[in-house]
Amino acid sequence: MITLAIAEDHQSLIDGLSLLFQQESNFEIIGKANNGEELLEIVRLKQPKVVLTDIRMPKIDGIAATKIIKSEFKHIKVLAFTMFDQQEAIQQMLAAGASGYILKNSGLNDVKLAIETVMSGEQYFDPSLNLSFLEEEKTVQKKSILSKTEKEILHLISEGKTSSHIAEIRFCSVSTVETHRKNMMRKLDLRGKGELLRYALEKKYDF
């Protein structure tokens, strides 16, 4: 049984969701709130497994409420349920600790799938969202975890240099270069010998 708390300042939408979920034996709505303060009261009292929350709400908005919920109850999953599809709103909810983001025009099956997905420990994003910025952020994060030496070696790899050539250029042993290669693959979560070269070629002008 997945227990839910819903926070939404439009009562008609809460009523509609309640009606739909009544037919679902796997889901139980144990709390309904029209603002962030009410949501926090419900969460602290009943500790639902999933919180479905709007972003713009009276008293305490969904972003602030999510931060508080995740700081007090790390095991509770928060799913943004909103009409805002802007990049900034998505980023703010993710930074606050939300596990998913779904738009209000979604059907019940999509909402159910979103809830089940975050309950399984994965993230869920509405299929209509443009999430290209997330990939850009991941690239930036990956670059930032490489040391200056690793970035220099990666640049040489992108130019087609072998470990032997790189060792000559950098006045070090081949084993040192190989160690750097292994460390970069671990940091970048790459598999296979060709993956590092492929990554180096893709990011050739980024480092």
C-alpha atoms as a PDB file:
ATOM      1  CA  MET A   1       0.000   0.000   0.000  1.00  0.00           C
ATOM      2  CA  ILE A   2       1.385   3.404  -1.022  1.00  0.00           C
ATOM      3  CA  THR A   3       0.152   6.135   1.312  1.00  0.00           C
ATOM      4  CA  LEU A   4      -0.161   9.620  -0.158  1.00  0.00           C
ATOM      5  CA  ALA A   5      -0.449  13.202   0.988  1.00  0.00           C
ATOM      6  CA  ILE A   6      -1.641  15.748  -1.575  1.00  0.00           C
ATOM      7  CA  ALA A   7      -0.957  19.479  -1.355  1.00  0.00           C
ATOM      8  CA  GLU A   8      -2.845  21.666  -3.805  1.00  0.00           C
ATOM      9  CA  ASP A   9      -4.503  25.056  -3.347  1.00  0.00           C
ATOM     10  CA  HIS A  10      -7.338  24.192  -5.738  1.00  0.00           C
ATOM     11  CA  GLN A  11      -9.741  21.999  -3.777  1.00  0.00           C
ATOM     12  CA  SER A  12     -11.471  20.824  -6.942  1.00  0.00           C
ATOM     13  CA  LEU A  13      -8.251  19.205  -8.150  1.00  0.00           C
ATOM     14  CA  ILE A  14      -7.744  17.472  -4.799  1.00  0.00           C
ATOM     15  CA  ASP A  15     -11.328  16.206  -4.963  1.00  0.00           C
ATOM     16  CA  GLY A  16     -10.767  14.918  -8.476  1.00  0.00           C
ATOM     17  CA  LEU A  17      -7.603  13.053  -7.517  1.00  0.00           C
ATOM     18  CA  SER A  18      -9.299  11.632  -4.431  1.00  0.00           C
ATOM     19  CA  LEU A  19     -12.137  10.311  -6.552  1.00  0.00           C
ATOM     20  CA  LEU A  20      -9.748   8.714  -9.024  1.00  0.00           C
ATOM     21  CA  PHE A  21      -7.577   7.087  -6.367  1.00  0.00           C
ATOM     22  CA  GLN A  22     -10.602   5.612  -4.596  1.00  0.00           C
ATOM     23  CA  GLN A  23     -10.685   2.978  -7.317  1.00  0.00           C
ATOM     24  CA  GLU A  24      -7.031   2.048  -6.776  1.00  0.00           C
ATOM     25  CA  SER A  25      -6.444  -0.601  -4.122  1.00  0.00           C
ATOM     26  CA  ASN A  26      -2.684   0.028  -4.073  1.00  0.00           C
ATOM     27  CA  PHE A  27      -2.975   3.693  -3.144  1.00  0.00           C
ATOM     28  CA  GLU A  28      -4.429   5.444  -0.123  1.00  0.00           C
ATOM     29  CA  ILE A  29      -4.686   9.208   0.346  1.00  0.00           C
ATOM     30  CA  ILE A  30      -4.098   9.831   4.050  1.00  0.00           C
ATOM     31  CA  GLY A  31      -3.831  13.620   3.952  1.00  0.00           C
ATOM     32  CA  LYS A  32      -4.994  16.606   1.912  1.00  0.00           C
ATOM     33  CA  ALA A  33      -3.667  20.152   2.233  1.00  0.00           C
ATOM     34  CA  ASN A  34      -4.450  23.480   0.599  1.00  0.00           C
ATOM     35  CA  ASN A  35      -1.200  25.157   1.631  1.00  0.00           C
ATOM     36  CA  GLY A  36       2.344  24.353   2.702  1.00  0.00           C
ATOM     37  CA  GLU A  37       1.710  24.735   6.417  1.00  0.00           C
ATOM     38  CA  GLU A  38      -1.110  22.193   6.362  1.00  0.00           C
ATOM     39  CA  LEU A  39       1.083  19.843   4.325  1.00  0.00           C
ATOM     40  CA  LEU A  40       3.869  19.922   6.917  1.00  0.00           C
ATOM     41  CA  GLU A  41       1.383  19.239   9.713  1.00  0.00           C
ATOM     42  CA  ILE A  42       0.038  16.208   7.836  1.00  0.00           C
ATOM     43  CA  VAL A  43       3.509  14.880   6.999  1.00  0.00           C
ATOM     44  CA  ARG A  44       4.700  15.177  10.600  1.00  0.00           C
ATOM     45  CA  LEU A  45       1.584  13.525  11.943  1.00  0.00           C
ATOM     46  CA  LYS A  46       1.012  10.750   9.408  1.00  0.00           C
ATOM     47  CA  GLN A  47       4.321  10.336   7.525  1.00  0.00           C
ATOM     48  CA  PRO A  48       3.004   9.285   4.097  1.00  0.00           C
ATOM     49  CA  LYS A  49       5.279   7.370   1.774  1.00  0.00           C
ATOM     50  CA  VAL A  50       4.801   9.889  -1.041  1.00  0.00           C
ATOM     51  CA  VAL A  51       3.927  13.586  -1.071  1.00  0.00           C
ATOM     52  CA  LEU A  52       2.306  14.972  -4.206  1.00  0.00           C
ATOM     53  CA  THR A  53       2.715  18.743  -4.030  1.00  0.00           C
ATOM     54  CA  ASP A  54       2.067  21.817  -6.082  1.00  0.00           C
ATOM     55  CA  ILE A  55       4.878  24.384  -6.284  1.00  0.00           C
ATOM     56  CA  ARG A  56       2.961  27.656  -5.885  1.00  0.00           C
ATOM     57  CA  MET A  57       0.916  27.513  -2.675  1.00  0.00           C
ATOM     58  CA  PRO A  58      -0.108  29.933   0.094  1.00  0.00           C
ATOM     59  CA  LYS A  59       1.878  30.337   3.343  1.00  0.00           C
ATOM     60  CA  ILE A  60       4.708  27.950   2.421  1.00  0.00           C
ATOM     61  CA  ASP A  61       5.347  27.103  -1.221  1.00  0.00           C
ATOM     62  CA  GLY A  62       6.091  23.611  -2.490  1.00  0.00           C
ATOM     63  CA  ILE A  63       9.821  24.211  -2.836  1.00  0.00           C
ATOM     64  CA  ALA A  64      10.262  25.348   0.777  1.00  0.00           C
ATOM     65  CA  ALA A  65       7.943  22.586   2.021  1.00  0.00           C
ATOM     66  CA  THR A  66       9.947  19.972   0.112  1.00  0.00           C
ATOM     67  CA  LYS A  67      13.203  21.152   1.700  1.00  0.00           C
ATOM     68  CA  ILE A  68      11.678  20.885   5.170  1.00  0.00           C
ATOM     69  CA  ILE A  69      10.138  17.463   4.506  1.00  0.00           C
ATOM     70  CA  LYS A  70      13.385  16.011   3.158  1.00  0.00           C
ATOM     71  CA  SER A  71      15.407  17.449   6.033  1.00  0.00           C
ATOM     72  CA  GLU A  72      13.085  15.839   8.599  1.00  0.00           C
ATOM     73  CA  PHE A  73      12.029  12.672   6.774  1.00  0.00           C
ATOM     74  CA  LYS A  74      14.612  11.531   4.231  1.00  0.00           C
ATOM     75  CA  HIS A  75      12.624   8.367   3.422  1.00  0.00           C
ATOM     76  CA  ILE A  76       9.542  10.282   2.223  1.00  0.00           C
ATOM     77  CA  LYS A  77       9.427  10.736  -1.544  1.00  0.00           C
ATOM     78  CA  VAL A  78       8.272  14.094  -2.898  1.00  0.00           C
ATOM     79  CA  LEU A  79       6.720  14.434  -6.332  1.00  0.00           C
ATOM     80  CA  ALA A  80       6.110  17.872  -7.831  1.00  0.00           C
ATOM     81  CA  PHE A  81       2.605  18.157  -9.299  1.00  0.00           C
ATOM     82  CA  THR A  82       2.347  21.432 -11.143  1.00  0.00           C
ATOM     83  CA  MET A  83       1.481  23.339 -14.305  1.00  0.00           C
ATOM     84  CA  PHE A  84       4.917  25.004 -14.424  1.00  0.00           C
ATOM     85  CA  ASP A  85       7.230  23.423 -17.002  1.00  0.00           C
ATOM     86  CA  GLN A  86      10.031  25.990 -16.768  1.00  0.00           C
ATOM     87  CA  GLN A  87      13.624  24.882 -16.255  1.00  0.00           C
ATOM     88  CA  GLU A  88      14.026  27.061 -13.141  1.00  0.00           C
ATOM     89  CA  ALA A  89      11.062  25.442 -11.379  1.00  0.00           C
ATOM     90  CA  ILE A  90      12.341  21.937 -12.154  1.00  0.00           C
ATOM     91  CA  GLN A  91      15.834  22.800 -10.924  1.00  0.00           C
ATOM     92  CA  GLN A  92      14.511  24.320  -7.700  1.00  0.00           C
ATOM     93  CA  MET A  93      12.360  21.305  -6.893  1.00  0.00           C
ATOM     94  CA  LEU A  94      15.195  18.869  -7.602  1.00  0.00           C
ATOM     95  CA  ALA A  95      17.572  20.952  -5.471  1.00  0.00           C
ATOM     96  CA  ALA A  96      14.982  20.875  -2.679  1.00  0.00           C
ATOM     97  CA  GLY A  97      14.978  17.075  -2.779  1.00  0.00           C
ATOM     98  CA  ALA A  98      12.055  16.131  -5.035  1.00  0.00           C
ATOM     99  CA  SER A  99      12.298  12.741  -6.737  1.00  0.00           C
ATOM    100  CA  GLY A 100      10.012  13.555  -9.639  1.00  0.00           C
ATOM    101  CA  TYR A 101       8.138  16.207 -11.586  1.00  0.00           C
ATOM    102  CA  ILE A 102       4.791  15.715 -13.288  1.00  0.00           C
ATOM    103  CA  LEU A 103       2.405  18.188 -14.922  1.00  0.00           C
ATOM    104  CA  LYS A 104      -1.202  18.614 -13.860  1.00  0.00           C
ATOM    105  CA  ASN A 105      -2.594  17.796 -17.295  1.00  0.00           C
ATOM    106  CA  SER A 106      -1.323  14.211 -16.936  1.00  0.00           C
ATOM    107  CA  GLY A 107      -3.745  11.304 -16.810  1.00  0.00           C
ATOM    108  CA  LEU A 108      -4.215   9.131 -13.726  1.00  0.00           C
ATOM    109  CA  ASN A 109      -2.114   6.325 -15.199  1.00  0.00           C
ATOM    110  CA  ASP A 110       0.791   8.748 -15.591  1.00  0.00           C
ATOM    111  CA  VAL A 111       0.386   9.974 -12.013  1.00  0.00           C
ATOM    112  CA  LYS A 112       0.308   6.383 -10.773  1.00  0.00           C
ATOM    113  CA  LEU A 113       3.423   5.545 -12.785  1.00  0.00           C
ATOM    114  CA  ALA A 114       5.203   8.613 -11.395  1.00  0.00           C
ATOM    115  CA  ILE A 115       4.363   7.624  -7.816  1.00  0.00           C
ATOM    116  CA  GLU A 116       5.434   4.005  -8.336  1.00  0.00           C
ATOM    117  CA  THR A 117       8.662   5.134 -10.004  1.00  0.00           C
ATOM    118  CA  VAL A 118       9.751   7.419  -7.165  1.00  0.00           C
ATOM    119  CA  MET A 119       8.719   4.759  -4.642  1.00  0.00           C
ATOM    120  CA  SER A 120      11.151   2.362  -6.326  1.00  0.00           C
ATOM    121  CA  GLY A 121      13.966   4.833  -5.712  1.00  0.00           C
ATOM    122  CA  GLU A 122      14.160   6.253  -9.222  1.00  0.00           C
ATOM    123  CA  GLN A 123      13.379   9.695 -10.594  1.00  0.00           C
ATOM    124  CA  TYR A 124      10.336  10.418 -12.737  1.00  0.00           C
ATOM    125  CA  PHE A 125       9.892  13.304 -15.173  1.00  0.00           C
ATOM    126  CA  ASP A 126       6.838  14.171 -17.219  1.00  0.00           C
ATOM    127  CA  PRO A 127       7.511  13.026 -20.811  1.00  0.00           C
ATOM    128  CA  SER A 128       6.600  16.466 -22.188  1.00  0.00           C
ATOM    129  CA  LEU A 129       9.336  18.275 -20.219  1.00  0.00           C
ATOM    130  CA  ASN A 130      12.485  19.530 -21.940  1.00  0.00           C
ATOM    131  CA  LEU A 131      15.276  18.132 -19.761  1.00  0.00           C
ATOM    132  CA  SER A 132      18.277  18.862 -21.985  1.00  0.00           C
ATOM    133  CA  PHE A 133      19.647  21.177 -19.290  1.00  0.00           C
ATOM    134  CA  LEU A 134      20.034  18.199 -16.939  1.00  0.00           C
ATOM    135  CA  GLU A 135      22.469  16.537 -19.338  1.00  0.00           C
ATOM    136  CA  GLU A 136      24.420  19.802 -19.564  1.00  0.00           C
ATOM    137  CA  GLU A 137      24.602  19.946 -15.770  1.00  0.00           C
ATOM    138  CA  LYS A 138      25.852  16.356 -15.624  1.00  0.00           C
ATOM    139  CA  THR A 139      28.595  17.216 -18.123  1.00  0.00           C
ATOM    140  CA  VAL A 140      29.683  20.194 -16.028  1.00  0.00           C
ATOM    141  CA  GLN A 141      29.705  18.041 -12.900  1.00  0.00           C
ATOM    142  CA  LYS A 142      31.778  15.367 -14.604  1.00  0.00           C
ATOM    143  CA  LYS A 143      34.322  17.903 -15.831  1.00  0.00           C
ATOM    144  CA  SER A 144      34.637  19.441 -12.403  1.00  0.00           C
ATOM    145  CA  ILE A 145      35.556  16.125 -10.773  1.00  0.00           C
ATOM    146  CA  LEU A 146      38.611  15.686 -12.994  1.00  0.00           C
ATOM    147  CA  SER A 147      41.942  17.068 -11.805  1.00  0.00           C
ATOM    148  CA  LYS A 148      44.015  19.475 -13.909  1.00  0.00           C
ATOM    149  CA  THR A 149      46.385  16.635 -14.859  1.00  0.00           C
ATOM    150  CA  GLU A 150      43.478  14.371 -15.840  1.00  0.00           C
ATOM    151  CA  LYS A 151      41.959  17.083 -18.048  1.00  0.00           C
ATOM    152  CA  GLU A 152      45.311  17.588 -19.782  1.00  0.00           C
ATOM    153  CA  ILE A 153      45.647  13.846 -20.402  1.00  0.00           C
ATOM    154  CA  LEU A 154      42.038  13.687 -21.613  1.00  0.00           C
ATOM    155  CA  HIS A 155      42.830  16.439 -24.109  1.00  0.00           C
ATOM    156  CA  LEU A 156      45.809  14.434 -25.402  1.00  0.00           C
ATOM    157  CA  ILE A 157      43.587  11.350 -25.666  1.00  0.00           C
ATOM    158  CA  SER A 158      41.154  13.375 -27.795  1.00  0.00           C
ATOM    159  CA  GLU A 159      44.048  14.120 -30.158  1.00  0.00           C
ATOM    160  CA  GLY A 160      44.590  10.386 -30.647  1.00  0.00           C
ATOM    161  CA  LYS A 161      47.716  10.086 -28.507  1.00  0.00           C
ATOM    162  CA  THR A 162      48.485   6.654 -27.060  1.00  0.00           C
ATOM    163  CA  SER A 163      49.549   6.115 -23.450  1.00  0.00           C
ATOM    164  CA  SER A 164      53.173   5.811 -24.626  1.00  0.00           C
ATOM    165  CA  HIS A 165      53.005   9.127 -26.496  1.00  0.00           C
ATOM    166  CA  ILE A 166      51.317  10.837 -23.550  1.00  0.00           C
ATOM    167  CA  ALA A 167      54.001   9.489 -21.192  1.00  0.00           C
ATOM    168  CA  GLU A 168      56.723  10.960 -23.450  1.00  0.00           C
ATOM    169  CA  ILE A 169      54.977  14.331 -23.681  1.00  0.00           C
ATOM    170  CA  ARG A 170      54.435  14.537 -19.927  1.00  0.00           C
ATOM    171  CA  PHE A 171      57.800  13.033 -18.948  1.00  0.00           C
ATOM    172  CA  CYS A 172      56.229  10.281 -16.881  1.00  0.00           C
ATOM    173  CA  SER A 173      55.881   6.498 -17.028  1.00  0.00           C
ATOM    174  CA  VAL A 174      53.281   4.660 -19.085  1.00  0.00           C
ATOM    175  CA  SER A 175      51.943   3.087 -15.886  1.00  0.00           C
ATOM    176  CA  THR A 176      51.267   6.580 -14.496  1.00  0.00           C
ATOM    177  CA  VAL A 177      49.227   7.465 -17.588  1.00  0.00           C
ATOM    178  CA  GLU A 178      47.341   4.170 -17.326  1.00  0.00           C
ATOM    179  CA  THR A 179      46.554   4.908 -13.682  1.00  0.00           C
ATOM    180  CA  HIS A 180      45.157   8.304 -14.679  1.00  0.00           C
ATOM    181  CA  ARG A 181      43.062   6.617 -17.371  1.00  0.00           C
ATOM    182  CA  LYS A 182      41.591   4.186 -14.846  1.00  0.00           C
ATOM    183  CA  ASN A 183      40.849   6.973 -12.386  1.00  0.00           C
ATOM    184  CA  MET A 184      39.094   9.036 -15.067  1.00  0.00           C
ATOM    185  CA  MET A 185      36.974   6.081 -16.148  1.00  0.00           C
ATOM    186  CA  ARG A 186      35.955   5.475 -12.544  1.00  0.00           C
ATOM    187  CA  LYS A 187      35.108   9.155 -11.948  1.00  0.00           C
ATOM    188  CA  LEU A 188      33.191   9.458 -15.220  1.00  0.00           C
ATOM    189  CA  ASP A 189      31.482   6.081 -14.735  1.00  0.00           C
ATOM    190  CA  LEU A 190      32.706   4.800 -18.104  1.00  0.00           C
ATOM    191  CA  ARG A 191      33.031   1.159 -19.152  1.00  0.00           C
ATOM    192  CA  GLY A 192      35.258  -0.396 -21.784  1.00  0.00           C
ATOM    193  CA  LYS A 193      38.507   0.791 -23.382  1.00  0.00           C
ATOM    194  CA  GLY A 194      36.847   2.812 -26.117  1.00  0.00           C
ATOM    195  CA  GLU A 195      34.522   4.762 -23.811  1.00  0.00           C
ATOM    196  CA  LEU A 196      37.201   7.158 -22.555  1.00  0.00           C
ATOM    197  CA  LEU A 197      38.265   8.008 -26.108  1.00  0.00           C
ATOM    198  CA  ARG A 198      34.644   8.528 -27.135  1.00  0.00           C
ATOM    199  CA  TYR A 199      34.061  10.826 -24.159  1.00  0.00           C
ATOM    200  CA  ALA A 200      37.296  12.740 -24.914  1.00  0.00           C
ATOM    201  CA  LEU A 201      36.252  13.279 -28.537  1.00  0.00           C
ATOM    202  CA  GLU A 202      32.742  14.418 -27.561  1.00  0.00           C
ATOM    203  CA  LYS A 203      34.083  16.929 -25.031  1.00  0.00           C
ATOM    204  CA  LYS A 204      37.200  17.926 -27.001  1.00  0.00           C
ATOM    205  CA  TYR A 205      36.453  21.640 -26.938  1.00  0.00           C
ATOM    206  CA  ASP A 206      35.101  21.720 -23.395  1.00  0.00           C
ATOM    207  CA  PHE A 207      38.373  21.348 -21.522  1.00  0.00           C
END
